Protein backbone atom coordinates (compact mmCIF):
# COMPACT_ATOMS: atom_id res chain seq x y z
CA MET A 1 -14.78 -39.73 -1.81
CA ASN A 2 -17.53 -41.82 -0.19
CA PHE A 3 -16.49 -43.40 3.11
CA ALA A 4 -19.63 -45.55 3.28
CA PHE A 5 -19.36 -49.15 2.12
CA THR A 6 -21.63 -50.32 -0.67
CA GLU A 7 -24.16 -53.08 -0.10
CA GLU A 8 -21.83 -55.60 -1.72
CA GLN A 9 -18.89 -54.51 0.45
CA GLU A 10 -21.03 -54.78 3.59
CA GLU A 11 -22.01 -58.30 2.54
CA LEU A 12 -18.33 -59.15 2.15
CA ARG A 13 -17.64 -57.84 5.65
CA SER A 14 -20.58 -59.72 7.15
CA ALA A 15 -19.51 -62.97 5.51
CA ALA A 16 -15.93 -62.45 6.72
CA ARG A 17 -17.08 -61.72 10.27
CA ALA A 18 -19.27 -64.84 10.31
CA PHE A 19 -16.50 -67.07 8.95
CA LEU A 20 -13.86 -65.78 11.36
CA ALA A 21 -16.25 -66.06 14.30
CA ASP A 22 -16.30 -69.80 13.56
CA HIS A 23 -12.64 -70.24 12.56
CA SER A 24 -10.69 -67.59 14.45
CA SER A 25 -11.98 -67.81 17.99
CA SER A 26 -9.67 -67.29 20.94
CA GLU A 27 -9.02 -71.03 21.21
CA GLN A 28 -8.35 -71.41 17.49
CA VAL A 29 -6.00 -68.40 17.42
CA ARG A 30 -3.97 -69.89 20.26
CA ARG A 31 -3.84 -73.28 18.58
CA ALA A 32 -2.74 -71.78 15.27
CA MET A 33 -0.04 -69.53 16.73
CA GLU A 34 1.48 -72.46 18.60
CA SER A 35 1.56 -74.74 15.54
CA ASP A 36 4.64 -75.35 13.42
CA LEU A 37 3.31 -73.34 10.47
CA GLY A 38 1.74 -70.56 12.51
CA TYR A 39 -1.65 -71.05 10.84
CA GLU A 40 -4.23 -73.76 10.13
CA PRO A 41 -3.73 -75.19 6.59
CA GLU A 42 -7.36 -76.24 6.25
CA VAL A 43 -8.64 -72.80 7.18
CA TRP A 44 -6.16 -71.19 4.78
CA LYS A 45 -7.33 -73.53 2.01
CA ARG A 46 -10.92 -72.42 2.53
CA VAL A 47 -9.88 -68.76 2.58
CA GLY A 48 -8.38 -69.16 -0.88
CA ALA A 49 -10.37 -71.83 -2.69
CA GLU A 50 -13.81 -71.28 -1.15
CA LEU A 51 -14.02 -67.63 -0.07
CA GLY A 52 -11.67 -66.11 -2.63
CA TRP A 53 -10.10 -63.66 -0.18
CA THR A 54 -6.63 -64.28 -1.59
CA ALA A 55 -7.92 -63.21 -5.02
CA VAL A 56 -9.68 -60.02 -3.95
CA THR A 57 -7.21 -57.50 -5.44
CA ILE A 58 -5.95 -59.65 -8.32
CA PRO A 59 -7.43 -58.82 -11.76
CA GLU A 60 -9.75 -61.34 -13.37
CA GLU A 61 -7.34 -61.90 -16.25
CA PHE A 62 -4.87 -63.39 -13.73
CA GLY A 63 -7.37 -65.57 -11.93
CA GLY A 64 -8.57 -63.03 -9.37
CA ILE A 65 -11.84 -61.37 -8.48
CA GLY A 66 -10.74 -57.92 -9.64
CA LEU A 67 -11.84 -55.85 -6.65
CA GLY A 68 -9.70 -53.11 -5.14
CA ASP A 69 -8.08 -51.48 -2.13
CA VAL A 70 -11.38 -50.59 -0.44
CA GLU A 71 -12.47 -54.22 -0.40
CA LEU A 72 -9.04 -55.26 0.85
CA VAL A 73 -9.26 -52.74 3.69
CA ALA A 74 -12.77 -53.97 4.51
CA LEU A 75 -11.41 -57.52 4.89
CA MET A 76 -8.27 -56.53 6.79
CA GLU A 77 -10.31 -54.68 9.39
CA ILE A 78 -12.37 -57.79 10.13
CA MET A 79 -9.21 -59.94 10.27
CA GLY A 80 -7.74 -57.50 12.77
CA GLU A 81 -10.84 -57.82 14.95
CA HIS A 82 -10.40 -61.58 15.13
CA LEU A 83 -6.58 -61.62 15.32
CA PHE A 84 -6.60 -63.94 12.30
CA CYS A 85 -3.51 -66.19 12.20
CA ALA A 86 -2.70 -66.68 8.53
CA PRO A 87 -0.13 -65.50 5.95
CA TYR A 88 -2.75 -63.25 4.36
CA PHE A 89 -1.00 -59.93 4.91
CA ALA A 90 2.31 -61.33 3.64
CA SER A 91 0.96 -63.11 0.57
CA VAL A 92 -1.76 -60.72 -0.58
CA CYS A 93 -0.66 -57.28 0.63
CA LEU A 94 3.11 -57.71 0.25
CA GLY A 95 3.80 -60.53 -2.23
CA ALA A 96 0.89 -60.12 -4.63
CA GLY A 97 1.02 -56.36 -4.05
CA ALA A 98 4.59 -56.28 -5.33
CA LEU A 99 3.67 -58.18 -8.47
CA LEU A 100 0.67 -55.94 -9.12
CA VAL A 101 2.75 -52.77 -8.81
CA ALA A 102 6.00 -53.82 -10.48
CA GLY A 103 5.46 -57.09 -12.33
CA SER A 104 5.32 -57.49 -16.09
CA ALA A 105 2.31 -59.12 -17.75
CA GLU A 106 4.32 -62.34 -18.10
CA GLN A 107 5.36 -62.35 -14.44
CA LYS A 108 1.81 -61.68 -13.30
CA ALA A 109 0.43 -64.45 -15.51
CA GLU A 110 3.01 -66.89 -14.11
CA HIS A 111 2.58 -66.22 -10.40
CA LEU A 112 -0.68 -64.42 -9.60
CA PRO A 113 -3.13 -67.27 -10.41
CA ALA A 114 -1.49 -69.55 -7.85
CA ILE A 115 -1.43 -66.75 -5.25
CA ALA A 116 -5.10 -66.03 -5.99
CA GLU A 117 -5.98 -69.66 -5.26
CA GLY A 118 -3.88 -69.69 -2.09
CA ARG A 119 -1.59 -72.41 -3.48
CA THR A 120 1.46 -70.12 -3.50
CA LEU A 121 2.46 -68.06 -0.49
CA ALA A 122 4.45 -64.96 -1.35
CA THR A 123 6.07 -62.22 0.70
CA LEU A 124 8.35 -59.19 0.41
CA ALA A 125 11.90 -59.07 1.81
CA TYR A 126 13.26 -55.53 1.99
CA ALA A 127 14.29 -54.56 5.55
CA GLU A 128 17.88 -55.00 6.74
CA SER A 129 19.34 -54.55 10.21
CA GLU A 130 22.28 -52.59 8.80
CA SER A 131 20.18 -50.11 6.83
CA GLY A 132 18.39 -47.01 8.07
CA ALA A 133 14.70 -46.40 8.53
CA GLU A 134 14.19 -45.45 4.89
CA PRO A 135 13.15 -48.50 2.83
CA THR A 136 15.55 -47.40 0.10
CA ASP A 137 18.53 -47.45 2.50
CA LEU A 138 19.18 -51.08 1.71
CA ALA A 139 22.61 -52.60 1.19
CA MET A 140 21.93 -55.99 -0.43
CA LEU A 141 23.72 -56.19 -3.76
CA ALA A 142 22.44 -57.50 -7.07
CA GLU A 143 25.54 -58.11 -9.19
CA PRO A 144 25.05 -58.72 -12.94
CA ALA A 145 26.34 -62.15 -13.97
CA ASP A 146 25.65 -64.60 -16.82
CA ALA A 147 22.45 -63.09 -18.22
CA GLY A 148 21.12 -62.69 -14.72
CA PHE A 149 22.02 -61.48 -11.24
CA VAL A 150 23.72 -62.74 -8.10
CA LEU A 151 22.12 -61.62 -4.83
CA ARG A 152 24.18 -61.24 -1.65
CA GLY A 153 23.01 -59.98 1.71
CA VAL A 154 20.67 -60.57 4.63
CA LYS A 155 17.06 -59.49 5.04
CA ARG A 156 15.42 -59.21 8.45
CA PHE A 157 11.84 -59.12 9.73
CA VAL A 158 10.43 -60.86 6.64
CA VAL A 159 6.76 -61.47 7.39
CA ASP A 160 5.93 -65.19 7.06
CA GLY A 161 9.31 -65.67 5.38
CA ALA A 162 9.63 -69.27 6.58
CA ALA A 163 6.28 -70.27 5.06
CA ALA A 164 6.66 -68.40 1.76
CA ASP A 165 7.04 -70.25 -1.53
CA LEU A 166 8.05 -67.08 -3.36
CA LEU A 167 10.00 -64.08 -2.09
CA VAL A 168 10.18 -60.64 -3.69
CA VAL A 169 13.63 -59.40 -2.70
CA ALA A 170 14.78 -55.78 -2.90
CA ALA A 171 18.44 -55.25 -3.82
CA ARG A 172 20.59 -52.60 -5.46
CA GLU A 173 23.23 -52.33 -8.17
CA PRO A 174 26.81 -52.07 -6.89
CA GLY A 175 27.82 -48.44 -6.37
CA SER A 176 24.26 -47.05 -6.38
CA ARG A 177 22.68 -45.01 -3.60
CA GLY A 178 19.20 -44.00 -2.48
CA GLU A 179 16.28 -44.84 -4.70
CA ALA A 180 18.45 -45.11 -7.82
CA GLY A 181 19.71 -48.56 -8.68
CA ILE A 182 17.12 -50.51 -6.68
CA SER A 183 15.46 -53.52 -8.25
CA LEU A 184 13.05 -56.20 -7.09
CA PHE A 185 13.70 -59.88 -7.79
CA LEU A 186 11.53 -62.98 -7.64
CA VAL A 187 13.31 -65.67 -5.64
CA PRO A 188 11.66 -69.09 -5.16
CA SER A 189 12.09 -70.74 -1.79
CA GLY A 190 14.64 -73.52 -1.89
CA SER A 191 16.93 -71.63 -4.28
CA PRO A 192 20.61 -72.60 -3.84
CA GLY A 193 22.28 -70.18 -1.43
CA LEU A 194 18.98 -69.13 0.20
CA ARG A 195 18.71 -69.68 3.95
CA VAL A 196 15.60 -68.83 5.98
CA THR A 197 15.72 -68.68 9.79
CA PRO A 198 12.58 -68.07 11.89
CA LEU A 199 12.96 -65.17 14.34
CA PRO A 200 11.63 -64.99 17.89
CA THR A 201 8.94 -62.31 17.97
CA MET A 202 6.89 -60.46 20.55
CA ASP A 203 3.72 -61.20 18.59
CA PRO A 204 3.24 -64.98 18.28
CA THR A 205 0.31 -64.52 15.89
CA ARG A 206 2.49 -63.14 13.08
CA ARG A 207 5.69 -64.98 12.16
CA GLN A 208 8.85 -63.26 10.93
CA ALA A 209 12.11 -64.62 9.57
CA GLU A 210 15.64 -63.73 8.59
CA VAL A 211 16.45 -64.44 4.94
CA ALA A 212 20.11 -64.80 3.99
CA LEU A 213 21.08 -64.83 0.31
CA ASP A 214 24.62 -66.05 -0.23
CA GLY A 215 25.26 -65.87 -3.94
CA VAL A 216 21.69 -66.68 -5.01
CA ARG A 217 21.49 -66.63 -8.81
CA VAL A 218 18.35 -65.43 -10.57
CA PRO A 219 17.71 -64.95 -14.32
CA SER A 220 17.01 -61.57 -15.86
CA SER A 221 13.36 -62.60 -16.17
CA ALA A 222 13.13 -62.59 -12.35
CA ARG A 223 13.64 -58.85 -12.20
CA LEU A 224 10.54 -56.66 -11.79
CA ASP A 225 10.94 -52.91 -11.61
CA GLY A 226 7.65 -51.38 -12.71
CA PRO A 227 7.24 -48.42 -15.08
CA GLU A 228 9.00 -45.94 -12.75
CA GLY A 229 11.87 -48.10 -11.52
CA GLY A 230 12.41 -50.42 -8.58
CA GLY A 231 12.85 -47.71 -5.95
CA ALA A 232 9.57 -45.95 -6.76
CA SER A 233 7.79 -49.30 -7.04
CA LEU A 234 9.06 -50.37 -3.61
CA ARG A 235 7.68 -47.19 -2.05
CA GLU A 236 4.27 -47.71 -3.63
CA ILE A 237 4.18 -51.37 -2.55
CA LEU A 238 4.95 -50.40 1.04
CA ASP A 239 2.45 -47.52 1.00
CA ARG A 240 -0.37 -49.79 -0.12
CA ALA A 241 0.63 -52.45 2.39
CA ALA A 242 0.75 -49.82 5.16
CA ILE A 243 -2.85 -48.85 4.40
CA ALA A 244 -3.94 -52.48 4.65
CA LEU A 245 -2.04 -52.85 7.92
CA ALA A 246 -3.66 -49.67 9.26
CA ALA A 247 -7.08 -51.19 8.59
CA GLU A 248 -6.07 -54.31 10.48
CA GLN A 249 -5.01 -52.08 13.38
CA VAL A 250 -8.43 -50.42 13.35
CA GLY A 251 -10.08 -53.82 13.68
CA GLY A 252 -7.81 -54.75 16.58
CA ALA A 253 -8.48 -51.45 18.35
CA GLN A 254 -12.23 -51.96 17.93
CA ARG A 255 -12.01 -55.42 19.50
CA CYS A 256 -10.01 -54.03 22.43
CA LEU A 257 -12.82 -51.53 23.00
CA ASP A 258 -15.48 -54.24 22.73
CA LEU A 259 -13.66 -56.52 25.17
CA SER A 260 -13.25 -53.67 27.62
CA VAL A 261 -16.89 -52.60 27.53
CA ALA A 262 -18.09 -56.18 27.94
CA TYR A 263 -15.78 -56.76 30.90
CA ALA A 264 -16.70 -53.44 32.52
CA LYS A 265 -20.36 -54.43 32.43
CA GLU A 266 -19.84 -57.80 34.13
CA ARG A 267 -16.99 -57.10 36.59
CA GLU A 268 -18.34 -55.80 39.88
CA GLN A 269 -16.54 -53.85 42.59
CA PHE A 270 -18.09 -52.20 45.67
CA GLY A 271 -21.39 -53.79 44.78
CA ARG A 272 -21.79 -52.47 41.23
CA PRO A 273 -20.28 -52.94 37.73
CA ILE A 274 -16.98 -51.11 37.24
CA GLY A 275 -18.43 -49.65 34.05
CA SER A 276 -20.52 -47.38 36.22
CA PHE A 277 -17.39 -45.65 37.55
CA GLN A 278 -16.54 -42.37 35.87
CA ALA A 279 -12.87 -43.25 35.40
CA ILE A 280 -13.79 -46.39 33.41
CA LYS A 281 -16.40 -44.48 31.40
CA HIS A 282 -13.79 -41.89 30.43
CA LYS A 283 -11.31 -44.57 29.36
CA CYS A 284 -13.88 -46.29 27.15
CA ALA A 285 -15.03 -42.98 25.66
CA ASP A 286 -11.45 -42.04 24.85
CA MET A 287 -10.90 -45.44 23.23
CA MET A 288 -14.02 -44.98 21.10
CA VAL A 289 -12.87 -41.56 19.86
CA ARG A 290 -9.48 -42.99 18.89
CA VAL A 291 -11.05 -45.98 17.13
CA GLU A 292 -13.43 -43.85 15.08
CA SER A 293 -10.70 -41.37 14.15
CA ALA A 294 -8.40 -44.23 13.14
CA ARG A 295 -11.19 -45.78 11.07
CA SER A 296 -11.68 -42.50 9.19
CA ALA A 297 -7.94 -42.27 8.47
CA ALA A 298 -7.78 -45.84 7.18
CA TYR A 299 -10.89 -45.49 5.02
CA TYR A 300 -9.63 -42.22 3.55
CA ALA A 301 -6.30 -43.83 2.69
CA ALA A 302 -8.10 -46.78 1.08
CA CYS A 303 -10.09 -44.40 -1.14
CA VAL A 304 -6.87 -42.62 -2.13
CA ALA A 305 -5.22 -45.93 -3.00
CA ALA A 306 -8.25 -47.05 -5.01
CA GLU A 307 -8.24 -43.85 -7.07
CA ALA A 308 -4.44 -43.94 -7.56
CA VAL A 309 -3.99 -40.22 -6.86
CA PRO A 310 -0.62 -38.57 -6.06
CA GLU A 311 -1.53 -38.21 -2.36
CA LEU A 312 -0.98 -41.95 -1.79
CA SER A 313 2.22 -41.67 0.25
CA GLY A 314 0.84 -38.92 2.49
CA ALA A 315 -2.43 -40.75 3.08
CA ALA A 316 -0.57 -43.99 3.83
CA SER A 317 1.70 -42.32 6.38
CA LEU A 318 -1.23 -40.51 7.98
CA ALA A 319 -3.18 -43.74 8.38
CA LYS A 320 -0.24 -45.84 9.56
CA ALA A 321 0.94 -43.28 12.13
CA TYR A 322 -2.48 -42.61 13.66
CA CYS A 323 -3.80 -46.18 13.54
CA SER A 324 -0.60 -47.54 15.12
CA GLU A 325 -0.89 -45.23 18.11
CA ALA A 326 -4.65 -45.69 18.42
CA TYR A 327 -4.31 -49.49 18.46
CA PHE A 328 -1.52 -49.43 21.04
CA HIS A 329 -3.43 -47.00 23.26
CA CYS A 330 -6.61 -49.09 23.11
CA ALA A 331 -4.73 -52.32 23.79
CA ALA A 332 -2.99 -50.79 26.81
CA ALA A 333 -6.24 -49.28 28.12
CA SER A 334 -7.98 -52.63 27.70
CA ILE A 335 -5.41 -54.30 29.93
CA GLN A 336 -5.86 -51.56 32.54
CA ILE A 337 -9.63 -51.95 32.52
CA HIS A 338 -9.28 -55.72 32.90
CA GLY A 339 -6.92 -55.20 35.80
CA GLY A 340 -4.48 -57.94 36.80
CA VAL A 341 -6.16 -60.59 34.64
CA GLY A 342 -5.64 -58.48 31.52
CA PHE A 343 -2.12 -59.74 31.00
CA THR A 344 -2.71 -63.32 32.07
CA TRP A 345 -2.55 -66.08 29.48
CA GLU A 346 -6.21 -66.99 29.92
CA TYR A 347 -7.49 -63.60 28.77
CA ASP A 348 -7.11 -62.15 25.25
CA PRO A 349 -6.09 -58.50 25.83
CA HIS A 350 -2.41 -59.41 26.07
CA LEU A 351 -2.54 -60.98 22.59
CA TYR A 352 -3.93 -57.76 21.11
CA PHE A 353 -1.36 -55.76 23.07
CA LYS A 354 1.47 -57.79 21.52
CA ARG A 355 0.01 -57.49 18.03
CA ALA A 356 -0.40 -53.73 18.54
CA GLN A 357 3.21 -53.33 19.68
CA ALA A 358 4.62 -55.38 16.79
CA SER A 359 2.41 -53.76 14.15
CA GLU A 360 3.36 -50.29 15.38
CA HIS A 361 6.93 -50.84 14.15
CA LEU A 362 6.12 -52.90 11.05
CA LEU A 363 6.46 -50.85 7.83
CA GLY A 364 7.67 -47.81 9.76
CA ASP A 365 6.79 -46.54 13.22
CA PRO A 366 4.62 -43.42 13.81
CA THR A 367 7.62 -41.14 14.30
CA TRP A 368 9.08 -42.09 10.92
CA HIS A 369 5.75 -41.60 9.16
CA ARG A 370 5.16 -38.20 10.75
CA GLU A 371 8.64 -37.09 9.70
CA ARG A 372 7.89 -38.31 6.21
CA ILE A 373 4.72 -36.21 6.06
CA ALA A 374 6.66 -33.20 7.33
CA ARG A 375 9.29 -33.64 4.61
CA GLN A 376 6.58 -33.84 1.96
CA LEU A 377 4.90 -30.68 3.22
CA CYS A 378 8.25 -28.87 3.18
CA GLY A 379 9.19 -30.21 -0.23
CA THR A 380 12.23 -32.01 1.21
CA PRO A 381 13.22 -35.35 -0.41
C-alpha cells in the first residue's frame, strides 16, 4: 500500500482547500449553521454541479466520476479542516454509499445520477434509541404486505434527515434476530406515514433528526440487500462511512493544531509569546504526534477500503477509534492553549470541540470499536 497521494489526488486536495478557504470561512460556517437548512444552497450547488465532489465515488455509468475511497478520504480531510457545513457526509458517504454497496443495477441507475449531481440528498437511517450499540440490534419491523413491505418504528440520530430527499432505512423481518432478517429500504421523503423531526444537537454544524415510520408502505423494488444480505451490507456501509468520518476527524484535529500554534505565536505573557513556554511546546508537540498517527490510521483504512480486502472492518474500527480520540484531545488542548477565550463564541476552537465530541459517538464510539477489534482477534462473533 502506498500512503502517498498521487499528483492528481494532490491537485484535488489543493482545489478543495482553495474553494473551502473562500466558501467555508469562520463567518460562512456560522452563517450556514444558523440557517434553516443548515447549509448554503448555492455553495452546495457548486459542490455538485461545478466541482463534482458529490460524484467522486459514483461509477461513470451512473453519472459519476468513478474515483474511489482514497479520493473520498482526501476530500473529507479537507472538509474537516474547514468545518464544512453541508450534507456531504450524509448524501455521499451514507446515502450513496448504501446504494453502491447494496443497490441493484436498476436502483443505482434510478437514484445515483441525481445524487452525483447534488440534486438529490440521501442519507441512512439505522440507529434506534431502544437498540444496543451493535448496528444490527435494530427493532424496526418490515412486515410483508401487498407485494411490498410496511415499515414501523422510529430511527434516531439520522444525519441530515430533515434535508434528505431519499432515506435508506434499515429494518428487520418479524421474528428475526441479529444480522439475519435485516433489509434496507429506499423511502422517499414525504411518503405517507413518514414523520421527520429535527433534533437539538451539541454540534450545530451537523444536523440530525428523528425519523418515525408509522405504517410506511414501500414496494418490493425498494428493497436493497446486496449480494450477502442486508445485515452484511449494513456493516460494510457503516465501515466505509466510518473511514470517511475518520478522515474528517483528522482534518479537524490538524486545524486545531494550526489554530493553537498560530495563537501561541501571537499571544504574549510576561513579555514574550506563550509559544516559547515549555508547557505550551509540549502540548503542541503532543497534538502533532496524535494528528500524524491519526492521519496514518485513516490513510491505511482508505487503502484497505479501496482494495476491498477482508480487513475492512478491522481497519475501519482502528481508524475510527484512534481518530475520534485524537480529534477530541486536540480540540480540548486547543481550548486550553487559547485560555478563557477558547470557548467564547467569537473564537473557533469551541466549534471544533463540539464537532469532535459529536463525531466521537457517531457510527460507534472508541470503546465500541476497540471491543469490536478484540472480538475479531479472538474469533468471537
